[in-house]
Protein backbone atom coordinates (compact mmCIF):
# COMPACT_ATOMS: atom_id res chain seq x y z
CA MET A 1 0.00 0.00 0.00
CA ILE A 2 1.41 3.39 -1.03
CA LYS A 3 1.55 5.86 1.84
CA SER A 4 0.29 9.32 0.99
CA TYR A 5 1.48 12.54 2.56
CA SER A 6 0.64 16.21 2.43
CA LEU A 7 3.16 18.24 0.47
CA GLN A 8 2.04 21.37 2.30
CA LYS A 9 2.61 19.76 5.71
CA ARG A 10 6.01 18.42 4.63
CA LEU A 11 7.11 21.84 3.38
CA LEU A 12 5.81 23.48 6.55
CA LEU A 13 7.63 20.93 8.71
CA ASN A 14 10.90 21.31 6.79
CA THR A 15 10.59 25.09 6.91
CA SER A 16 9.89 24.95 10.65
CA LEU A 17 13.01 22.85 11.25
CA VAL A 18 15.15 25.25 9.21
CA LEU A 19 13.61 28.23 10.99
CA VAL A 20 14.19 26.69 14.44
CA PHE A 21 17.81 25.91 13.53
CA PHE A 22 18.27 29.47 12.24
CA MET A 23 16.68 30.97 15.37
CA VAL A 24 18.86 28.87 17.69
CA ALA A 25 21.98 29.81 15.75
CA MET A 26 20.98 33.48 15.73
CA SER A 27 20.25 33.43 19.49
CA VAL A 28 23.69 31.92 20.17
CA VAL A 29 25.41 34.53 17.99
CA LEU A 30 23.46 37.43 19.50
CA LEU A 31 24.00 36.19 23.07
CA ASN A 32 27.73 35.72 22.53
CA ALA A 33 27.96 39.17 20.96
CA TYR A 34 26.09 40.67 23.90
CA LYS A 35 28.33 38.87 26.41
CA SER A 36 31.43 40.01 24.52
CA GLY A 37 30.15 43.59 24.63
CA ILE A 38 29.55 43.45 28.38
CA GLN A 39 32.96 41.87 28.97
CA GLN A 40 34.60 44.61 26.92
CA ALA A 41 32.74 47.24 28.92
CA THR A 42 33.79 45.51 32.15
CA PHE A 43 37.41 45.44 30.99
CA GLU A 44 37.33 49.15 30.21
CA ARG A 45 35.66 49.96 33.55
CA LEU A 46 38.16 47.89 35.55
CA THR A 47 41.00 49.49 33.60
CA ALA A 48 39.71 52.90 34.61
CA GLN A 49 39.46 51.78 38.26
CA PHE A 50 43.03 50.48 38.06
CA TYR A 51 44.28 53.88 36.92
CA GLY A 52 42.31 55.46 39.78
CA LEU A 53 44.12 53.19 42.27
CA LEU A 54 47.42 53.88 40.55
CA SER A 55 46.89 57.61 40.92
CA ALA A 56 46.29 57.16 44.68
CA ALA A 57 49.47 55.09 45.13
CA ASP A 58 52.93 56.47 45.93
CA LEU A 59 56.39 55.32 47.11
CA HIS A 60 57.27 56.20 50.69
CA GLU A 61 60.37 55.68 52.71
CA LYS A 62 62.33 52.56 52.15
CA ASP A 63 60.81 52.42 48.68
CA GLN A 64 57.56 50.95 50.04
CA LEU A 65 54.39 51.38 47.98
CA PHE A 66 51.70 53.27 49.86
CA ILE A 67 47.97 53.27 49.04
CA PRO A 68 45.39 54.81 51.38
CA GLU A 69 43.23 52.35 53.25
CA GLU A 70 40.13 53.83 51.68
CA PRO A 71 41.12 55.30 48.30
CA GLN A 72 38.62 57.68 46.73
CA VAL A 73 38.10 55.69 43.55
CA ASP A 74 35.01 53.51 43.77
CA GLN A 75 33.21 53.35 47.10
CA ARG A 76 32.67 49.66 46.67
CA PHE A 77 36.38 49.19 47.38
CA ASN A 78 35.63 50.62 50.86
CA GLN A 79 32.59 48.41 51.57
CA TYR A 80 33.04 44.93 53.01
CA ALA A 81 31.77 42.11 50.70
CA SER A 82 30.67 44.59 48.03
CA GLY A 83 31.72 42.24 45.23
CA LEU A 84 34.48 44.60 44.01
CA SER A 85 37.93 44.35 45.62
CA ALA A 86 41.56 45.26 44.87
CA LEU A 87 44.83 43.56 45.77
CA VAL A 88 48.44 44.62 45.22
CA PHE A 89 51.37 42.16 45.23
CA ASP A 90 55.07 42.83 44.93
CA GLU A 91 57.36 41.01 42.56
CA THR A 92 57.67 38.13 45.02
CA GLU A 93 53.87 37.77 44.89
CA THR A 94 53.62 38.94 48.50
CA LEU A 95 50.47 40.86 49.33
CA VAL A 96 51.37 44.48 50.10
CA TRP A 97 47.89 46.04 50.08
CA ASN A 98 44.23 45.10 49.83
CA SER A 99 41.02 47.04 49.87
CA VAL A 100 38.52 46.93 52.73
CA SER A 101 36.11 44.96 50.51
CA ALA A 102 38.59 42.12 49.87
CA GLN A 103 37.42 38.83 51.30
CA GLU A 104 40.04 36.65 49.67
CA THR A 105 43.66 37.58 49.56
CA GLU A 106 45.07 34.36 48.10
CA VAL A 107 44.86 34.80 44.36
CA LYS A 108 46.88 33.02 41.71
CA LEU A 109 48.69 35.57 39.60
CA PRO A 110 48.84 34.83 35.86
CA LEU A 111 51.96 35.33 33.79
CA SER A 112 51.85 38.76 32.25
CA LEU A 113 54.25 41.32 30.90
CA PRO A 114 54.48 44.78 32.45
CA GLY A 115 52.16 47.30 30.88
CA GLU A 116 49.76 44.73 29.42
CA PRO A 117 46.31 44.68 31.10
CA THR A 118 44.51 41.33 31.04
CA LEU A 119 41.06 40.10 32.05
CA TYR A 120 40.31 36.52 33.14
CA ASP A 121 37.39 34.49 34.42
CA ILE A 122 38.23 32.73 37.69
CA GLU A 123 36.37 30.83 40.38
CA ILE A 124 36.92 31.35 44.09
CA LYS A 125 35.02 29.12 46.49
CA GLN A 126 32.38 28.33 43.87
CA ASP A 127 31.87 32.03 43.09
CA GLN A 128 32.75 33.36 39.65
CA TYR A 129 34.80 36.52 39.26
CA PHE A 130 36.36 38.76 36.67
CA GLN A 131 40.07 39.13 37.44
CA PHE A 132 41.78 42.22 36.08
CA HIS A 133 45.59 42.05 36.22
CA PHE A 134 48.18 44.71 35.46
CA VAL A 135 51.96 44.62 36.16
CA THR A 136 53.56 48.02 36.82
CA GLU A 137 57.20 49.06 37.01
CA TRP A 138 57.93 51.54 39.81
CA GLU A 139 61.27 53.37 39.82
CA SER A 140 62.65 54.72 43.13
CA GLU A 141 64.69 57.86 43.62
CA GLN A 142 67.81 55.71 43.69
CA GLY A 143 66.95 54.35 40.25
CA ASP A 144 65.86 50.92 41.43
CA VAL A 145 62.90 49.39 39.61
CA ALA A 146 60.25 47.42 41.48
CA LEU A 147 57.40 45.37 39.99
CA TYR A 148 53.91 45.47 41.48
CA HIS A 149 50.91 43.32 40.53
CA PHE A 150 47.59 45.15 40.66
CA VAL A 151 44.61 42.76 40.80
CA ILE A 152 40.96 43.84 40.75
CA LEU A 153 38.27 41.21 41.38
CA GLU A 154 34.62 41.77 40.47
CA ASN A 155 31.93 39.22 41.26
CA LYS A 156 30.13 38.01 38.11
CA ARG A 157 26.77 37.70 39.84
CA ALA A 158 25.49 40.96 38.35
CA PHE A 159 26.99 40.08 34.96
CA ASN A 160 25.26 36.69 34.96
CA GLN A 161 21.94 38.25 35.98
CA VAL A 162 22.13 40.75 33.11
CA VAL A 163 23.06 38.03 30.64
CA GLU A 164 20.25 35.77 31.91
CA ALA A 165 17.70 38.60 31.60
CA TYR A 166 18.94 39.35 28.09
CA ARG A 167 18.82 35.64 27.18
CA ASN A 168 15.23 35.30 28.41
CA LYS A 169 14.11 38.41 26.57
CA LEU A 170 15.99 37.34 23.45
CA LEU A 171 14.40 33.88 23.46
CA MET A 172 10.98 35.41 24.04
CA TRP A 173 11.24 37.80 21.10
CA LEU A 174 12.85 35.21 18.85
CA GLY A 175 10.04 32.80 19.79
CA ILE A 176 7.44 35.43 18.93
CA LEU A 177 9.27 36.15 15.68
CA ALA A 178 9.49 32.43 14.83
CA ALA A 179 5.80 31.90 15.59
CA SER A 180 4.90 34.91 13.46
CA LEU A 181 7.07 33.69 10.60
CA LEU A 182 5.55 30.20 10.84
CA LEU A 183 2.06 31.68 10.79
CA VAL A 184 2.92 33.80 7.75
CA MET A 185 4.56 30.77 6.11
CA PHE A 186 1.48 28.65 6.82
CA LEU A 187 -0.81 31.27 5.30
CA VAL A 188 1.49 31.72 2.28
CA LEU A 189 1.75 27.95 1.72
CA ARG A 190 -2.00 27.56 2.15
CA TRP A 191 -2.60 30.29 -0.40
CA THR A 192 0.10 28.89 -2.71
CA PHE A 193 -1.27 25.34 -2.58
CA LYS A 194 -4.87 26.44 -3.01
CA PRO A 195 -4.82 25.55 -6.75
CA ILE A 196 -3.36 22.11 -5.88
CA ARG A 197 -6.16 21.47 -3.38
CA LYS A 198 -8.68 22.67 -5.92
CA MET A 199 -7.24 20.33 -8.55
CA SER A 200 -7.34 17.42 -6.07
CA GLN A 201 -11.00 18.14 -5.26
CA GLU A 202 -11.92 18.40 -8.94
CA LEU A 203 -10.10 15.14 -9.71
CA SER A 204 -12.14 13.50 -6.95
CA LEU A 205 -15.34 14.84 -8.56
CA VAL A 206 -14.21 13.54 -11.95
CA LYS A 207 -13.44 10.15 -10.40
CA GLN A 208 -16.94 10.03 -8.89
CA GLY A 209 -18.51 11.01 -12.20
CA LEU A 210 -19.75 14.36 -10.87
CA ALA A 211 -17.60 16.43 -13.24
CA ASP A 212 -16.37 15.99 -16.81
CA LYS A 213 -12.98 17.65 -16.53
CA LEU A 214 -10.82 20.04 -14.53
CA ASP A 215 -11.49 23.75 -14.53
CA GLU A 216 -9.36 25.77 -16.95
CA ALA A 217 -8.74 28.67 -14.53
CA TYR A 218 -5.38 27.68 -13.02
CA PRO A 219 -2.06 29.52 -12.52
CA ARG A 220 0.32 29.47 -15.46
CA GLU A 221 2.82 27.28 -13.57
CA ILE A 222 0.42 24.30 -13.36
CA GLN A 223 -1.83 25.05 -16.32
CA LEU A 224 0.18 22.71 -18.55
CA LEU A 225 -0.36 19.94 -15.97
CA THR A 226 -4.13 20.52 -15.79
CA GLU A 227 -4.38 20.66 -19.58
CA SER A 228 -2.48 17.36 -19.80
CA ILE A 229 -4.81 15.80 -17.22
CA ASN A 230 -7.87 17.04 -19.13
CA ARG A 231 -6.38 15.67 -22.33
CA PHE A 232 -5.77 12.33 -20.63
CA ILE A 233 -9.35 12.24 -19.28
CA SER A 234 -10.73 13.15 -22.71
CA ASN A 235 -8.57 10.55 -24.47
CA GLU A 236 -9.50 7.87 -21.94
CA ARG A 237 -13.19 8.58 -22.39
CA GLU A 238 -12.82 8.75 -26.14
CA GLN A 239 -10.96 5.45 -26.11
CA SER A 240 -13.62 3.85 -23.91
CA LYS A 241 -16.34 5.20 -26.21
CA ARG A 242 -14.44 3.94 -29.23
CA TYR A 243 -14.16 0.45 -27.72
CA LYS A 244 -17.92 0.34 -27.05
CA GLU A 245 -18.73 1.61 -30.53
CA THR A 246 -16.26 -0.82 -32.06
CA LEU A 247 -18.04 -3.76 -30.44
CA ALA A 248 -21.33 -2.54 -31.90
CA ASN A 249 -19.70 -1.83 -35.27
CA LEU A 250 -18.06 -5.26 -35.29
CA ALA A 251 -21.37 -7.01 -34.67
CA HIS A 252 -23.04 -4.86 -37.31
CA SER A 253 -20.30 -5.48 -39.89
CA LEU A 254 -20.30 -9.25 -39.37
CA LYS A 255 -24.00 -9.47 -40.20
CA THR A 256 -23.50 -9.29 -43.97
CA PRO A 257 -20.90 -12.10 -44.38
CA LEU A 258 -22.86 -14.23 -41.90
CA ALA A 259 -26.05 -13.56 -43.87
CA VAL A 260 -24.30 -14.55 -47.13
CA MET A 261 -23.17 -17.86 -45.60
CA GLN A 262 -26.63 -18.47 -44.13
CA SER A 263 -28.24 -17.79 -47.51
CA ALA A 264 -25.87 -20.24 -49.22
CA LEU A 265 -26.78 -22.92 -46.68
CA GLN A 266 -30.50 -22.27 -47.03
CA ASN A 267 -30.33 -22.39 -50.84
CA ARG A 268 -28.37 -25.67 -50.62
CA VAL A 269 -25.74 -24.71 -53.14
CA GLY A 270 -23.21 -27.24 -54.28
CA GLU A 271 -20.36 -28.30 -52.05
CA ASP A 272 -17.71 -26.54 -54.14
CA GLU A 273 -19.76 -23.34 -54.29
CA LEU A 274 -20.43 -23.51 -50.56
CA MET A 275 -16.71 -23.95 -49.90
CA ARG A 276 -15.90 -20.96 -52.12
CA ILE A 277 -18.54 -18.75 -50.48
CA SER A 278 -17.54 -19.81 -46.98
CA SER A 279 -13.84 -19.26 -47.66
CA GLU A 280 -14.54 -15.85 -49.20
CA GLN A 281 -16.81 -14.68 -46.35
CA LEU A 282 -14.53 -16.05 -43.64
CA GLU A 283 -11.69 -14.06 -45.17
CA ARG A 284 -13.95 -11.02 -45.23
CA MET A 285 -14.88 -11.57 -41.56
CA ASN A 286 -11.19 -11.81 -40.66
CA GLN A 287 -10.59 -8.51 -42.47
CA ILE A 288 -13.52 -6.92 -40.63
CA VAL A 289 -12.17 -8.01 -37.23
CA GLY A 290 -8.70 -6.65 -38.03
CA TYR A 291 -10.17 -3.44 -39.40
CA GLN A 292 -12.36 -2.85 -36.32
CA LEU A 293 -9.46 -3.56 -33.96
CA GLN A 294 -7.36 -1.01 -35.84
CA ARG A 295 -10.15 1.57 -35.55
CA ALA A 296 -10.58 0.85 -31.85
CA THR A 297 -6.94 1.69 -31.08
CA ALA A 298 -6.15 4.36 -33.64
CA GLY A 299 -9.40 5.60 -35.20
CA PRO A 300 -9.95 5.85 -38.96
CA LYS A 301 -6.81 5.45 -41.04
CA VAL A 302 -6.86 8.71 -42.93
CA MET A 303 -3.37 8.36 -44.52
CA ALA A 304 -4.33 5.29 -46.55
CA GLN A 305 -3.26 4.49 -50.15
CA ARG A 306 -5.55 4.79 -53.15
CA ILE A 307 -7.85 1.86 -53.78
CA GLU A 308 -9.82 0.95 -56.89
CA VAL A 309 -13.56 1.31 -56.33
CA GLU A 310 -14.86 -1.10 -58.95
CA ALA A 311 -13.41 -4.35 -57.59
CA ALA A 312 -14.44 -3.68 -53.99
CA ILE A 313 -18.02 -2.66 -54.93
CA GLU A 314 -18.49 -5.64 -57.26
CA LYS A 315 -17.51 -7.94 -54.39
CA LEU A 316 -20.03 -6.24 -52.07
CA VAL A 317 -22.79 -6.41 -54.71
CA ALA A 318 -22.20 -10.12 -55.28
CA GLY A 319 -22.50 -10.84 -51.57
CA LEU A 320 -25.64 -8.74 -51.01
CA GLN A 321 -27.33 -10.28 -54.07
CA LYS A 322 -27.19 -13.59 -52.26
CA VAL A 323 -28.39 -12.13 -48.94
CA TYR A 324 -31.43 -10.41 -50.44
CA ALA A 325 -32.18 -13.00 -53.14
CA ASP A 326 -35.40 -14.04 -51.38
CA LYS A 327 -36.59 -10.42 -51.33
CA GLY A 328 -36.05 -10.15 -55.07
CA ILE A 329 -33.75 -7.13 -54.91
CA ASN A 330 -31.94 -6.34 -58.13
CA ILE A 331 -28.66 -4.49 -57.52
CA THR A 332 -27.33 -2.65 -60.57
CA SER A 333 -23.89 -1.09 -60.72
CA LYS A 334 -22.64 1.61 -63.09
CA LEU A 335 -18.96 2.00 -62.31
CA GLU A 336 -16.30 3.94 -64.15
CA LYS A 337 -13.31 1.86 -65.08
CA GLY A 338 -10.09 2.60 -63.20
CA LEU A 339 -11.72 4.99 -60.73
CA SER A 340 -9.94 5.02 -57.36
CA VAL A 341 -10.14 6.99 -54.13
CA THR A 342 -7.75 7.62 -51.25
CA LEU A 343 -9.45 5.41 -48.72
CA SER A 344 -8.33 2.36 -46.80
CA GLU A 345 -9.78 -0.93 -48.03
CA GLY A 346 -11.51 -1.56 -44.70
CA ASP A 347 -13.09 1.91 -44.67
CA LEU A 348 -14.30 1.54 -48.26
CA TYR A 349 -15.93 -1.81 -47.46
CA GLU A 350 -17.44 -0.37 -44.27
CA VAL A 351 -18.92 2.73 -45.94
CA CYS A 352 -20.24 1.14 -49.14
CA GLY A 353 -21.30 -2.06 -47.37
CA ASN A 354 -23.45 -0.17 -44.84
CA LEU A 355 -25.05 2.07 -47.47
CA LEU A 356 -25.80 -0.84 -49.84
CA ASP A 357 -27.20 -2.93 -47.00
CA ASN A 358 -29.52 -0.09 -45.93
CA ALA A 359 -30.62 0.47 -49.54
CA CYS A 360 -31.49 -3.23 -49.90
CA LYS A 361 -33.49 -3.15 -46.65
CA TRP A 362 -35.63 -0.20 -47.76
CA ALA A 363 -35.82 -0.88 -51.50
CA LYS A 364 -38.87 -2.45 -53.11
CA SER A 365 -36.97 -4.13 -55.91
CA GLN A 366 -34.22 -1.88 -57.31
CA VAL A 367 -30.87 -0.64 -55.97
CA LEU A 368 -28.39 1.31 -58.07
CA ILE A 369 -24.77 2.11 -57.22
CA SER A 370 -22.78 4.35 -59.53
CA THR A 371 -19.47 6.19 -59.57
CA GLN A 372 -18.17 9.13 -61.54
CA SER A 373 -15.51 11.75 -61.46
CA LYS A 374 -16.32 15.41 -62.10
CA ASP A 375 -14.56 18.73 -61.40
CA HIS A 376 -11.72 16.93 -59.62
CA LYS A 377 -14.20 15.26 -57.28
CA THR A 378 -15.11 11.61 -56.96
CA PHE A 379 -18.78 10.70 -56.47
CA ILE A 380 -20.16 7.38 -55.25
CA ALA A 381 -23.98 7.28 -55.32
CA ILE A 382 -26.29 4.60 -53.87
CA GLU A 383 -29.97 4.84 -54.85
CA ASP A 384 -33.06 2.72 -54.16
CA ASP A 385 -36.76 2.71 -55.03
CA GLY A 386 -37.93 2.70 -51.41
CA PRO A 387 -39.88 5.40 -49.51
CA GLY A 388 -36.88 7.72 -49.32
CA ILE A 389 -35.65 9.81 -46.40
CA PRO A 390 -37.70 12.91 -45.47
CA GLN A 391 -35.67 16.11 -45.34
CA LEU A 392 -36.64 16.76 -41.72
CA VAL A 393 -34.94 13.59 -40.49
CA GLN A 394 -31.92 13.51 -42.80
CA ASP A 395 -29.56 14.74 -40.04
CA ALA A 396 -31.08 12.37 -37.48
CA VAL A 397 -30.41 9.22 -39.52
CA LEU A 398 -26.66 9.97 -39.29
CA SER A 399 -26.77 9.75 -35.47
CA ARG A 400 -25.86 6.52 -33.70
CA GLY A 401 -28.92 4.50 -32.67
CA LYS A 402 -31.41 6.54 -34.75
CA ARG A 403 -33.77 4.56 -37.00
CA LEU A 404 -36.58 5.76 -39.28
CA ASP A 405 -38.75 2.70 -38.72
CA GLU A 406 -38.41 0.47 -35.66
CA THR A 407 -40.13 -2.38 -37.53
CA VAL A 408 -37.28 -2.63 -40.02
CA GLU A 409 -34.39 -4.86 -38.94
CA GLY A 410 -31.28 -3.01 -37.73
CA GLN A 411 -29.65 -1.16 -34.82
CA GLY A 412 -29.26 2.34 -36.24
CA ILE A 413 -25.45 2.05 -36.29
CA GLY A 414 -24.48 1.82 -39.97
CA MET A 415 -25.19 5.43 -40.98
CA SER A 416 -23.33 6.86 -37.95
CA VAL A 417 -20.28 4.74 -38.84
CA VAL A 418 -20.40 6.05 -42.39
CA LYS A 419 -20.56 9.63 -41.12
CA GLU A 420 -17.62 9.11 -38.76
CA ILE A 421 -15.41 7.65 -41.47
CA MET A 422 -16.32 10.31 -44.05
CA GLU A 423 -15.60 13.11 -41.58
CA ALA A 424 -12.20 11.59 -40.84
CA TYR A 425 -11.36 11.82 -44.57
CA LYS A 426 -12.82 15.36 -44.87
CA ALA A 427 -15.39 13.98 -47.31
CA LYS A 428 -19.10 14.82 -47.57
CA ILE A 429 -22.34 12.85 -47.34
CA GLU A 430 -25.34 14.12 -49.29
CA ILE A 431 -28.87 12.74 -48.81
CA LYS A 432 -31.26 13.40 -51.69
CA LYS A 433 -34.31 12.01 -53.45
CA SER A 434 -33.33 9.71 -56.28
CA ALA A 435 -34.34 11.16 -59.66
CA THR A 436 -33.91 7.74 -61.27
CA LEU A 437 -35.59 5.33 -58.84
CA GLY A 438 -37.67 7.75 -56.74
CA GLY A 439 -36.39 6.60 -53.35
CA ALA A 440 -33.36 7.72 -51.33
CA GLN A 441 -30.03 8.67 -52.85
CA ILE A 442 -26.85 8.82 -50.76
CA ASN A 443 -23.91 10.60 -52.39
CA LEU A 444 -20.35 10.22 -51.13
CA VAL A 445 -18.23 13.15 -52.30
CA PHE A 446 -14.41 13.03 -52.09
CA LYS A 447 -12.70 16.32 -52.88
CA GLY A 448 -9.45 16.76 -54.71
CA LEU A 449 -9.33 13.24 -56.17
CA LYS A 450 -8.97 12.41 -59.86
CA PRO A 451 -9.89 9.15 -61.61
């Protein structure tokens, strides 16, 4: 069983995954950029506080560095446990001064060159701190140079709180933005796939027999698809119709050779004659079956070669004479020698056979078939001395299933087959009153053909 899925849902899901990945990546980039900005600001602020401490420091007797107990730099240095403290170490890493706020005096000093300020993240007793470090060179009056390590520690609690608040607000706004984008994407996809849903619904109606074809009002991008589907539906229906009509045409066409064989059996002709008639009609039936199969799959063969009319008509006349011998029908033929038309052999037999058979059914005693060529046109005329065809119903008799008299044997198929074949060859059918016999006259007119 083939599993179906919604293309719209798949696109929306894939887009959602891409959007979520993009939002997560963007939140990471923005958060890191924000943290880097705060760290840079912290570095600059601690650098400024270092220079404030440096300005309050001085060398006293015995070249000892002196810094007031409460320097007037940042009051947090003078408040116990304020989170901001300062420490000064000599070159032996011995503590020489610390601010009132300093809670920890044991700090690991990093390797650093004099004059290069650095900022590190450290952890002291499970608390996180920024550690600012600067190495200074202090020259005494005697010219001796002493190194001092200035360390400023700032608790990262406030930094982490600011970052956490920014992260929460960032995630909230990015979530709102993602939800808005997904909603817009859903609406856009729904609007974009509206023609696809419409096409699916119309195909369902066609499948149920509630519609004949798809609507023609579709966007240009899928119009070629809908036109192809409509063409497929039309071809499938035409093919199905052709198969049904072919079955009816096949049964109708086989009546004449079967009637000829039945007549030969009823008249008890000689064995040799019966064998000849049977062989001839069986061959004709085989041709009819092949011809109808060809029409069922490909329609009328309009690119056929030229065929001589006389031989084919004489064969039809001979067969029908036997079929209608009991009715006393006299079939006369007036055929021009060497006259030919561009028509397949099967189509010629089908057209002339149906018209001659109908003429024999309606005739009282006389049927005439004649051919002539005039003004670069070829005419084949079939006439009878029957009641004729009234002008009001001449178009109706060419429709499938239409019969003038329900009491006369037939299915109303032959004339519609003739019309279909003639239209395929761009030829004309004319229905008139016979001036010679007084009944109906059917003219087949082929344009542009010479004898």
